[in-house]
Amino acid sequence: MKGHPCCEIGRANGKRRPPILSRLLEATEWLIPSLILAILPKCPLCIVAYVAIGTGLGLSVSTATSIRIFLITACFGSLIYLAVRSLIRIYQSHSWTGRIHG
């Protein structure tokens, strides 16, 4: 017999994750793309310099520009996905109770 949908959230192979671990993982999902967007340089030449310092590889400015655009798109895409997923969870948790708080 299945329980309520709220009881099934966070279960993996029938085991429930500790609430602190679940919250930490959820916060990390939001934190990583946000930090990448915050520290991503605006200038393609800075990206070239960071890659050269970090790996010893040289990049062209056009490649650095493409990498920057890809990182921005990927980070915004993941943040939009996380926001939509959170809204769906909120909607589903309130739809089976028949009421919305707040």
PDB file of N, CA and C in Angstrom:
ATOM      1  N   MET A   1       0.841  -1.165   0.000  1.00  0.00           N
ATOM      2  CA  MET A   1       0.000   0.000   0.000  1.00  0.00           C
ATOM      3  C   MET A   1       0.891   1.234   0.000  1.00  0.00           C
ATOM      4  N   LYS A   2       0.543   2.174  -0.819  1.00  0.00           N
ATOM      5  CA  LYS A   2       1.317   3.401  -0.906  1.00  0.00           C
ATOM      6  C   LYS A   2       0.773   4.434   0.074  1.00  0.00           C
ATOM      7  N   GLY A   3       1.723   5.273   0.537  1.00  0.00           N
ATOM      8  CA  GLY A   3       1.331   6.363   1.414  1.00  0.00           C
ATOM      9  C   GLY A   3       0.994   7.600   0.607  1.00  0.00           C
ATOM     10  N   HIS A   4       0.907   8.692   1.299  1.00  0.00           N
ATOM     11  CA  HIS A   4       0.658   9.970   0.639  1.00  0.00           C
ATOM     12  C   HIS A   4       1.858  10.365  -0.203  1.00  0.00           C
ATOM     13  N   PRO A   5       1.633  11.220  -1.226  1.00  0.00           N
ATOM     14  CA  PRO A   5       2.752  11.672  -2.054  1.00  0.00           C
ATOM     15  C   PRO A   5       3.844  12.382  -1.245  1.00  0.00           C
ATOM     16  N   CYS A   6       3.459  13.064  -0.180  1.00  0.00           N
ATOM     17  CA  CYS A   6       4.479  13.764   0.606  1.00  0.00           C
ATOM     18  C   CYS A   6       5.408  12.784   1.301  1.00  0.00           C
ATOM     19  N   CYS A   7       4.920  11.584   1.596  1.00  0.00           N
ATOM     20  CA  CYS A   7       5.749  10.572   2.245  1.00  0.00           C
ATOM     21  C   CYS A   7       6.721   9.932   1.267  1.00  0.00           C
ATOM     22  N   GLU A   8       6.426   9.991  -0.011  1.00  0.00           N
ATOM     23  CA  GLU A   8       7.260   9.368  -1.023  1.00  0.00           C
ATOM     24  C   GLU A   8       8.410  10.260  -1.463  1.00  0.00           C
ATOM     25  N   ILE A   9       8.319  11.570  -1.194  1.00  0.00           N
ATOM     26  CA  ILE A   9       9.375  12.484  -1.606  1.00  0.00           C
ATOM     27  C   ILE A   9      10.630  12.180  -0.799  1.00  0.00           C
ATOM     28  N   GLY A  10      11.736  12.063  -1.484  1.00  0.00           N
ATOM     29  CA  GLY A  10      13.011  11.827  -0.818  1.00  0.00           C
ATOM     30  C   GLY A  10      13.335  10.372  -0.607  1.00  0.00           C
ATOM     31  N   ARG A  11      12.497   9.475  -1.068  1.00  0.00           N
ATOM     32  CA  ARG A  11      12.785   8.057  -0.909  1.00  0.00           C
ATOM     33  C   ARG A  11      13.607   7.553  -2.074  1.00  0.00           C
ATOM     34  N   ALA A  12      14.578   6.728  -1.751  1.00  0.00           N
ATOM     35  CA  ALA A  12      15.389   6.071  -2.771  1.00  0.00           C
ATOM     36  C   ALA A  12      15.506   4.610  -2.373  1.00  0.00           C
ATOM     37  N   ASN A  13      15.005   3.717  -3.184  1.00  0.00           N
ATOM     38  CA  ASN A  13      15.014   2.280  -2.917  1.00  0.00           C
ATOM     39  C   ASN A  13      14.309   1.950  -1.605  1.00  0.00           C
ATOM     40  N   GLY A  14      13.238   2.649  -1.320  1.00  0.00           N
ATOM     41  CA  GLY A  14      12.461   2.373  -0.117  1.00  0.00           C
ATOM     42  C   GLY A  14      13.027   3.000   1.136  1.00  0.00           C
ATOM     43  N   LYS A  15      14.191   3.636   1.059  1.00  0.00           N
ATOM     44  CA  LYS A  15      14.790   4.258   2.230  1.00  0.00           C
ATOM     45  C   LYS A  15      14.610   5.771   2.144  1.00  0.00           C
ATOM     46  N   ARG A  16      14.332   6.365   3.236  1.00  0.00           N
ATOM     47  CA  ARG A  16      14.129   7.814   3.273  1.00  0.00           C
ATOM     48  C   ARG A  16      15.446   8.492   3.659  1.00  0.00           C
ATOM     49  N   ARG A  17      15.804   9.541   2.889  1.00  0.00           N
ATOM     50  CA  ARG A  17      17.011  10.293   3.203  1.00  0.00           C
ATOM     51  C   ARG A  17      16.794  11.119   4.456  1.00  0.00           C
ATOM     52  N   PRO A  18      17.850  11.316   5.234  1.00  0.00           N
ATOM     53  CA  PRO A  18      17.712  12.219   6.384  1.00  0.00           C
ATOM     54  C   PRO A  18      17.362  13.624   5.893  1.00  0.00           C
ATOM     55  N   PRO A  19      16.509  14.332   6.608  1.00  0.00           N
ATOM     56  CA  PRO A  19      16.064  15.653   6.153  1.00  0.00           C
ATOM     57  C   PRO A  19      17.218  16.632   5.932  1.00  0.00           C
ATOM     58  N   ILE A  20      18.253  16.570   6.757  1.00  0.00           N
ATOM     59  CA  ILE A  20      19.359  17.515   6.608  1.00  0.00           C
ATOM     60  C   ILE A  20      20.116  17.234   5.317  1.00  0.00           C
ATOM     61  N   LEU A  21      20.290  15.970   4.967  1.00  0.00           N
ATOM     62  CA  LEU A  21      20.981  15.625   3.729  1.00  0.00           C
ATOM     63  C   LEU A  21      20.164  16.037   2.520  1.00  0.00           C
ATOM     64  N   SER A  22      18.872  15.816   2.589  1.00  0.00           N
ATOM     65  CA  SER A  22      17.988  16.200   1.495  1.00  0.00           C
ATOM     66  C   SER A  22      18.011  17.715   1.274  1.00  0.00           C
ATOM     67  N   ARG A  23      17.961  18.467   2.347  1.00  0.00           N
ATOM     68  CA  ARG A  23      18.000  19.931   2.231  1.00  0.00           C
ATOM     69  C   ARG A  23      19.352  20.421   1.731  1.00  0.00           C
ATOM     70  N   LEU A  24      20.422  19.761   2.163  1.00  0.00           N
ATOM     71  CA  LEU A  24      21.757  20.147   1.709  1.00  0.00           C
ATOM     72  C   LEU A  24      21.925  19.894   0.214  1.00  0.00           C
ATOM     73  N   LEU A  25      21.431  18.764  -0.264  1.00  0.00           N
ATOM     74  CA  LEU A  25      21.507  18.463  -1.690  1.00  0.00           C
ATOM     75  C   LEU A  25      20.673  19.439  -2.507  1.00  0.00           C
ATOM     76  N   GLU A  26      19.503  19.791  -2.010  1.00  0.00           N
ATOM     77  CA  GLU A  26      18.651  20.741  -2.719  1.00  0.00           C
ATOM     78  C   GLU A  26      19.292  22.123  -2.770  1.00  0.00           C
ATOM     79  N   ALA A  27      19.922  22.543  -1.683  1.00  0.00           N
ATOM     80  CA  ALA A  27      20.599  23.838  -1.674  1.00  0.00           C
ATOM     81  C   ALA A  27      21.795  23.835  -2.623  1.00  0.00           C
ATOM     82  N   THR A  28      22.501  22.723  -2.695  1.00  0.00           N
ATOM     83  CA  THR A  28      23.655  22.614  -3.584  1.00  0.00           C
ATOM     84  C   THR A  28      23.226  22.688  -5.043  1.00  0.00           C
ATOM     85  N   GLU A  29      22.077  22.125  -5.358  1.00  0.00           N
ATOM     86  CA  GLU A  29      21.565  22.195  -6.731  1.00  0.00           C
ATOM     87  C   GLU A  29      21.387  23.644  -7.169  1.00  0.00           C
ATOM     88  N   TRP A  30      20.943  24.494  -6.273  1.00  0.00           N
ATOM     89  CA  TRP A  30      20.740  25.909  -6.590  1.00  0.00           C
ATOM     90  C   TRP A  30      22.052  26.684  -6.528  1.00  0.00           C
ATOM     91  N   LEU A  31      22.948  26.277  -5.633  1.00  0.00           N
ATOM     92  CA  LEU A  31      24.158  27.041  -5.377  1.00  0.00           C
ATOM     93  C   LEU A  31      25.170  26.956  -6.515  1.00  0.00           C
ATOM     94  N   ILE A  32      25.359  25.793  -7.099  1.00  0.00           N
ATOM     95  CA  ILE A  32      26.399  25.619  -8.114  1.00  0.00           C
ATOM     96  C   ILE A  32      26.173  26.504  -9.343  1.00  0.00           C
ATOM     97  N   PRO A  33      25.011  26.451 -10.010  1.00  0.00           N
ATOM     98  CA  PRO A  33      24.857  27.350 -11.165  1.00  0.00           C
ATOM     99  C   PRO A  33      24.855  28.826 -10.782  1.00  0.00           C
ATOM    100  N   SER A  34      24.369  29.138  -9.591  1.00  0.00           N
ATOM    101  CA  SER A  34      24.372  30.532  -9.149  1.00  0.00           C
ATOM    102  C   SER A  34      25.796  31.041  -8.949  1.00  0.00           C
ATOM    103  N   LEU A  35      26.645  30.220  -8.347  1.00  0.00           N
ATOM    104  CA  LEU A  35      28.036  30.626  -8.149  1.00  0.00           C
ATOM    105  C   LEU A  35      28.780  30.757  -9.477  1.00  0.00           C
ATOM    106  N   ILE A  36      28.521  29.847 -10.400  1.00  0.00           N
ATOM    107  CA  ILE A  36      29.179  29.939 -11.702  1.00  0.00           C
ATOM    108  C   ILE A  36      28.798  31.253 -12.386  1.00  0.00           C
ATOM    109  N   LEU A  37      27.523  31.602 -12.340  1.00  0.00           N
ATOM    110  CA  LEU A  37      27.103  32.874 -12.938  1.00  0.00           C
ATOM    111  C   LEU A  37      27.718  34.068 -12.222  1.00  0.00           C
ATOM    112  N   ALA A  38      27.880  33.967 -10.907  1.00  0.00           N
ATOM    113  CA  ALA A  38      28.420  35.089 -10.143  1.00  0.00           C
ATOM    114  C   ALA A  38      29.904  35.309 -10.416  1.00  0.00           C
ATOM    115  N   ILE A  39      30.660  34.244 -10.584  1.00  0.00           N
ATOM    116  CA  ILE A  39      32.109  34.407 -10.758  1.00  0.00           C
ATOM    117  C   ILE A  39      32.549  34.372 -12.211  1.00  0.00           C
ATOM    118  N   LEU A  40      31.626  34.121 -13.119  1.00  0.00           N
ATOM    119  CA  LEU A  40      31.970  34.075 -14.538  1.00  0.00           C
ATOM    120  C   LEU A  40      32.391  35.458 -15.016  1.00  0.00           C
ATOM    121  N   PRO A  41      33.593  35.554 -15.587  1.00  0.00           N
ATOM    122  CA  PRO A  41      34.040  36.875 -16.054  1.00  0.00           C
ATOM    123  C   PRO A  41      33.217  37.375 -17.245  1.00  0.00           C
ATOM    124  N   LYS A  42      33.093  38.669 -17.336  1.00  0.00           N
ATOM    125  CA  LYS A  42      32.325  39.280 -18.422  1.00  0.00           C
ATOM    126  C   LYS A  42      33.148  39.365 -19.711  1.00  0.00           C
ATOM    127  N   CYS A  43      34.447  39.389 -19.561  1.00  0.00           N
ATOM    128  CA  CYS A  43      35.346  39.587 -20.690  1.00  0.00           C
ATOM    129  C   CYS A  43      35.888  38.241 -21.191  1.00  0.00           C
ATOM    130  N   PRO A  44      35.798  37.955 -22.485  1.00  0.00           N
ATOM    131  CA  PRO A  44      36.345  36.696 -23.017  1.00  0.00           C
ATOM    132  C   PRO A  44      37.857  36.564 -22.811  1.00  0.00           C
ATOM    133  N   LEU A  45      38.570  37.694 -22.776  1.00  0.00           N
ATOM    134  CA  LEU A  45      40.012  37.626 -22.544  1.00  0.00           C
ATOM    135  C   LEU A  45      40.334  37.143 -21.132  1.00  0.00           C
ATOM    136  N   CYS A  46      39.478  37.473 -20.185  1.00  0.00           N
ATOM    137  CA  CYS A  46      39.670  36.980 -18.819  1.00  0.00           C
ATOM    138  C   CYS A  46      39.478  35.463 -18.770  1.00  0.00           C
ATOM    139  N   ILE A  47      38.510  34.953 -19.525  1.00  0.00           N
ATOM    140  CA  ILE A  47      38.304  33.505 -19.591  1.00  0.00           C
ATOM    141  C   ILE A  47      39.535  32.839 -20.201  1.00  0.00           C
ATOM    142  N   VAL A  48      40.098  33.443 -21.247  1.00  0.00           N
ATOM    143  CA  VAL A  48      41.317  32.915 -21.850  1.00  0.00           C
ATOM    144  C   VAL A  48      42.431  32.860 -20.813  1.00  0.00           C
ATOM    145  N   ALA A  49      42.582  33.923 -20.028  1.00  0.00           N
ATOM    146  CA  ALA A  49      43.631  33.970 -19.003  1.00  0.00           C
ATOM    147  C   ALA A  49      43.390  32.921 -17.914  1.00  0.00           C
ATOM    148  N   TYR A  50      42.129  32.777 -17.448  1.00  0.00           N
ATOM    149  CA  TYR A  50      41.827  31.790 -16.408  1.00  0.00           C
ATOM    150  C   TYR A  50      42.109  30.376 -16.886  1.00  0.00           C
ATOM    151  N   VAL A  51      41.725  30.065 -18.113  1.00  0.00           N
ATOM    152  CA  VAL A  51      41.973  28.733 -18.653  1.00  0.00           C
ATOM    153  C   VAL A  51      43.476  28.502 -18.802  1.00  0.00           C
ATOM    154  N   ALA A  52      44.207  29.508 -19.253  1.00  0.00           N
ATOM    155  CA  ALA A  52      45.653  29.376 -19.412  1.00  0.00           C
ATOM    156  C   ALA A  52      46.339  29.176 -18.061  1.00  0.00           C
ATOM    157  N   ILE A  53      45.912  29.898 -17.057  1.00  0.00           N
ATOM    158  CA  ILE A  53      46.509  29.753 -15.722  1.00  0.00           C
ATOM    159  C   ILE A  53      46.147  28.401 -15.118  1.00  0.00           C
ATOM    160  N   GLY A  54      44.891  28.009 -15.267  1.00  0.00           N
ATOM    161  CA  GLY A  54      44.433  26.765 -14.643  1.00  0.00           C
ATOM    162  C   GLY A  54      44.907  25.501 -15.326  1.00  0.00           C
ATOM    163  N   THR A  55      44.998  25.515 -16.645  1.00  0.00           N
ATOM    164  CA  THR A  55      45.314  24.278 -17.364  1.00  0.00           C
ATOM    165  C   THR A  55      46.577  24.369 -18.208  1.00  0.00           C
ATOM    166  N   GLY A  56      47.038  25.560 -18.489  1.00  0.00           N
ATOM    167  CA  GLY A  56      48.189  25.715 -19.365  1.00  0.00           C
ATOM    168  C   GLY A  56      47.827  25.684 -20.839  1.00  0.00           C
ATOM    169  N   LEU A  57      46.555  25.594 -21.144  1.00  0.00           N
ATOM    170  CA  LEU A  57      46.096  25.574 -22.534  1.00  0.00           C
ATOM    171  C   LEU A  57      45.736  26.976 -22.996  1.00  0.00           C
ATOM    172  N   GLY A  58      46.056  27.249 -24.244  1.00  0.00           N
ATOM    173  CA  GLY A  58      45.678  28.532 -24.810  1.00  0.00           C
ATOM    174  C   GLY A  58      44.400  28.405 -25.604  1.00  0.00           C
ATOM    175  N   LEU A  59      43.539  29.405 -25.494  1.00  0.00           N
ATOM    176  CA  LEU A  59      42.280  29.428 -26.234  1.00  0.00           C
ATOM    177  C   LEU A  59      42.237  30.669 -27.106  1.00  0.00           C
ATOM    178  N   SER A  60      41.507  30.569 -28.166  1.00  0.00           N
ATOM    179  CA  SER A  60      41.251  31.771 -28.962  1.00  0.00           C
ATOM    180  C   SER A  60      40.114  32.545 -28.303  1.00  0.00           C
ATOM    181  N   VAL A  61      40.009  33.806 -28.642  1.00  0.00           N
ATOM    182  CA  VAL A  61      38.959  34.650 -28.075  1.00  0.00           C
ATOM    183  C   VAL A  61      37.587  34.158 -28.517  1.00  0.00           C
ATOM    184  N   SER A  62      37.479  33.689 -29.761  1.00  0.00           N
ATOM    185  CA  SER A  62      36.176  33.195 -30.224  1.00  0.00           C
ATOM    186  C   SER A  62      35.769  31.926 -29.473  1.00  0.00           C
ATOM    187  N   THR A  63      36.732  31.055 -29.161  1.00  0.00           N
ATOM    188  CA  THR A  63      36.424  29.858 -28.370  1.00  0.00           C
ATOM    189  C   THR A  63      36.006  30.248 -26.958  1.00  0.00           C
ATOM    190  N   ALA A  64      36.709  31.202 -26.361  1.00  0.00           N
ATOM    191  CA  ALA A  64      36.361  31.667 -25.016  1.00  0.00           C
ATOM    192  C   ALA A  64      34.968  32.287 -24.994  1.00  0.00           C
ATOM    193  N   THR A  65      34.617  33.023 -26.042  1.00  0.00           N
ATOM    194  CA  THR A  65      33.283  33.604 -26.138  1.00  0.00           C
ATOM    195  C   THR A  65      32.224  32.509 -26.217  1.00  0.00           C
ATOM    196  N   SER A  66      32.496  31.467 -26.991  1.00  0.00           N
ATOM    197  CA  SER A  66      31.555  30.340 -27.098  1.00  0.00           C
ATOM    198  C   SER A  66      31.405  29.621 -25.765  1.00  0.00           C
ATOM    199  N   ILE A  67      32.519  29.418 -25.070  1.00  0.00           N
ATOM    200  CA  ILE A  67      32.469  28.764 -23.751  1.00  0.00           C
ATOM    201  C   ILE A  67      31.652  29.609 -22.783  1.00  0.00           C
ATOM    202  N   ARG A  68      31.855  30.921 -22.795  1.00  0.00           N
ATOM    203  CA  ARG A  68      31.111  31.823 -21.905  1.00  0.00           C
ATOM    204  C   ARG A  68      29.612  31.763 -22.200  1.00  0.00           C
ATOM    205  N   ILE A  69      29.247  31.807 -23.471  1.00  0.00           N
ATOM    206  CA  ILE A  69      27.828  31.741 -23.844  1.00  0.00           C
ATOM    207  C   ILE A  69      27.233  30.397 -23.431  1.00  0.00           C
ATOM    208  N   PHE A  70      27.988  29.317 -23.625  1.00  0.00           N
ATOM    209  CA  PHE A  70      27.511  27.991 -23.217  1.00  0.00           C
ATOM    210  C   PHE A  70      27.294  27.932 -21.710  1.00  0.00           C
ATOM    211  N   LEU A  71      28.254  28.437 -20.924  1.00  0.00           N
ATOM    212  CA  LEU A  71      28.115  28.402 -19.466  1.00  0.00           C
ATOM    213  C   LEU A  71      26.922  29.226 -18.996  1.00  0.00           C
ATOM    214  N   ILE A  72      26.730  30.396 -19.583  1.00  0.00           N
ATOM    215  CA  ILE A  72      25.582  31.231 -19.203  1.00  0.00           C
ATOM    216  C   ILE A  72      24.271  30.519 -19.532  1.00  0.00           C
ATOM    217  N   THR A  73      24.199  29.940 -20.724  1.00  0.00           N
ATOM    218  CA  THR A  73      22.980  29.234 -21.135  1.00  0.00           C
ATOM    219  C   THR A  73      22.717  28.025 -20.246  1.00  0.00           C
ATOM    220  N   ALA A  74      23.758  27.252 -19.964  1.00  0.00           N
ATOM    221  CA  ALA A  74      23.598  26.058 -19.124  1.00  0.00           C
ATOM    222  C   ALA A  74      23.169  26.425 -17.704  1.00  0.00           C
ATOM    223  N   CYS A  75      23.762  27.473 -17.144  1.00  0.00           N
ATOM    224  CA  CYS A  75      23.413  27.879 -15.778  1.00  0.00           C
ATOM    225  C   CYS A  75      21.983  28.415 -15.702  1.00  0.00           C
ATOM    226  N   PHE A  76      21.610  29.278 -16.653  1.00  0.00           N
ATOM    227  CA  PHE A  76      20.238  29.778 -16.657  1.00  0.00           C
ATOM    228  C   PHE A  76      19.243  28.643 -16.904  1.00  0.00           C
ATOM    229  N   GLY A  77      19.598  27.736 -17.787  1.00  0.00           N
ATOM    230  CA  GLY A  77      18.722  26.591 -18.050  1.00  0.00           C
ATOM    231  C   GLY A  77      18.518  25.732 -16.817  1.00  0.00           C
ATOM    232  N   SER A  78      19.594  25.471 -16.079  1.00  0.00           N
ATOM    233  CA  SER A  78      19.447  24.651 -14.875  1.00  0.00           C
ATOM    234  C   SER A  78      18.669  25.390 -13.787  1.00  0.00           C
ATOM    235  N   LEU A  79      18.854  26.706 -13.675  1.00  0.00           N
ATOM    236  CA  LEU A  79      18.086  27.467 -12.688  1.00  0.00           C
ATOM    237  C   LEU A  79      16.602  27.510 -13.045  1.00  0.00           C
ATOM    238  N   ILE A  80      16.302  27.638 -14.321  1.00  0.00           N
ATOM    239  CA  ILE A  80      14.895  27.606 -14.754  1.00  0.00           C
ATOM    240  C   ILE A  80      14.295  26.231 -14.490  1.00  0.00           C
ATOM    241  N   TYR A  81      15.057  25.174 -14.783  1.00  0.00           N
ATOM    242  CA  TYR A  81      14.584  23.815 -14.509  1.00  0.00           C
ATOM    243  C   TYR A  81      14.294  23.634 -13.018  1.00  0.00           C
ATOM    244  N   LEU A  82      15.210  24.088 -12.153  1.00  0.00           N
ATOM    245  CA  LEU A  82      15.006  23.948 -10.712  1.00  0.00           C
ATOM    246  C   LEU A  82      13.789  24.744 -10.240  1.00  0.00           C
ATOM    247  N   ALA A  83      13.588  25.928 -10.802  1.00  0.00           N
ATOM    248  CA  ALA A  83      12.428  26.737 -10.418  1.00  0.00           C
ATOM    249  C   ALA A  83      11.129  26.071 -10.834  1.00  0.00           C
ATOM    250  N   VAL A  84      11.083  25.558 -12.058  1.00  0.00           N
ATOM    251  CA  VAL A  84       9.872  24.879 -12.535  1.00  0.00           C
ATOM    252  C   VAL A  84       9.613  23.622 -11.712  1.00  0.00           C
ATOM    253  N   ARG A  85      10.663  22.869 -11.416  1.00  0.00           N
ATOM    254  CA  ARG A  85      10.504  21.662 -10.606  1.00  0.00           C
ATOM    255  C   ARG A  85       9.966  21.995  -9.220  1.00  0.00           C
ATOM    256  N   SER A  86      10.462  23.080  -8.630  1.00  0.00           N
ATOM    257  CA  SER A  86       9.965  23.494  -7.315  1.00  0.00           C
ATOM    258  C   SER A  86       8.498  23.920  -7.378  1.00  0.00           C
ATOM    259  N   LEU A  87       8.134  24.650  -8.422  1.00  0.00           N
ATOM    260  CA  LEU A  87       6.733  25.063  -8.568  1.00  0.00           C
ATOM    261  C   LEU A  87       5.822  23.862  -8.775  1.00  0.00           C
ATOM    262  N   ILE A  88       6.266  22.885  -9.532  1.00  0.00           N
ATOM    263  CA  ILE A  88       5.467  21.665  -9.741  1.00  0.00           C
ATOM    264  C   ILE A  88       5.298  20.921  -8.429  1.00  0.00           C
ATOM    265  N   ARG A  89       6.367  20.819  -7.638  1.00  0.00           N
ATOM    266  CA  ARG A  89       6.268  20.144  -6.337  1.00  0.00           C
ATOM    267  C   ARG A  89       5.285  20.861  -5.419  1.00  0.00           C
ATOM    268  N   ILE A  90       5.350  22.190  -5.416  1.00  0.00           N
ATOM    269  CA  ILE A  90       4.432  22.957  -4.571  1.00  0.00           C
ATOM    270  C   ILE A  90       2.995  22.744  -5.031  1.00  0.00           C
ATOM    271  N   TYR A  91       2.776  22.802  -6.338  1.00  0.00           N
ATOM    272  CA  TYR A  91       1.432  22.601  -6.875  1.00  0.00           C
ATOM    273  C   TYR A  91       0.912  21.206  -6.549  1.00  0.00           C
ATOM    274  N   GLN A  92       1.752  20.185  -6.735  1.00  0.00           N
ATOM    275  CA  GLN A  92       1.317  18.816  -6.468  1.00  0.00           C
ATOM    276  C   GLN A  92       1.062  18.581  -4.991  1.00  0.00           C
ATOM    277  N   SER A  93       1.871  19.178  -4.134  1.00  0.00           N
ATOM    278  CA  SER A  93       1.666  18.961  -2.701  1.00  0.00           C
ATOM    279  C   SER A  93       0.378  19.618  -2.216  1.00  0.00           C
ATOM    280  N   HIS A  94      -0.032  20.702  -2.887  1.00  0.00           N
ATOM    281  CA  HIS A  94      -1.260  21.383  -2.471  1.00  0.00           C
ATOM    282  C   HIS A  94      -2.485  20.873  -3.220  1.00  0.00           C
ATOM    283  N   SER A  95      -2.283  20.265  -4.377  1.00  0.00           N
ATOM    284  CA  SER A  95      -3.443  19.833  -5.149  1.00  0.00           C
ATOM    285  C   SER A  95      -4.131  18.626  -4.523  1.00  0.00           C
ATOM    286  N   TRP A  96      -3.410  17.735  -3.871  1.00  0.00           N
ATOM    287  CA  TRP A  96      -4.053  16.568  -3.293  1.00  0.00           C
ATOM    288  C   TRP A  96      -4.689  16.877  -1.958  1.00  0.00           C
ATOM    289  N   THR A  97      -4.310  18.005  -1.324  1.00  0.00           N
ATOM    290  CA  THR A  97      -4.961  18.389  -0.065  1.00  0.00           C
ATOM    291  C   THR A  97      -6.182  19.257  -0.311  1.00  0.00           C
ATOM    292  N   GLY A  98      -6.214  19.881  -1.488  1.00  0.00           N
ATOM    293  CA  GLY A  98      -7.360  20.713  -1.829  1.00  0.00           C
ATOM    294  C   GLY A  98      -7.299  22.117  -1.284  1.00  0.00           C
ATOM    295  N   ARG A  99      -6.143  22.507  -0.729  1.00  0.00           N
ATOM    296  CA  ARG A  99      -6.032  23.874  -0.215  1.00  0.00           C
ATOM    297  C   ARG A  99      -4.617  24.384  -0.445  1.00  0.00           C
ATOM    298  N   ILE A 100      -4.519  25.694  -0.526  1.00  0.00           N
ATOM    299  CA  ILE A 100      -3.241  26.361  -0.681  1.00  0.00           C
ATOM    300  C   ILE A 100      -3.066  27.310   0.490  1.00  0.00           C
ATOM    301  N   HIS A 101      -1.924  27.173   1.162  1.00  0.00           N
ATOM    302  CA  HIS A 101      -1.658  28.029   2.319  1.00  0.00           C
ATOM    303  C   HIS A 101      -1.023  29.322   1.858  1.00  0.00           C
ATOM    304  N   GLY A 102      -1.307  30.372   2.590  1.00  0.00           N
ATOM    305  CA  GLY A 102      -0.597  31.606   2.449  1.00  0.00           C
ATOM    306  C   GLY A 102      -1.043  32.538   1.461  1.00  0.00           C
TER     307      GLY A 102
END
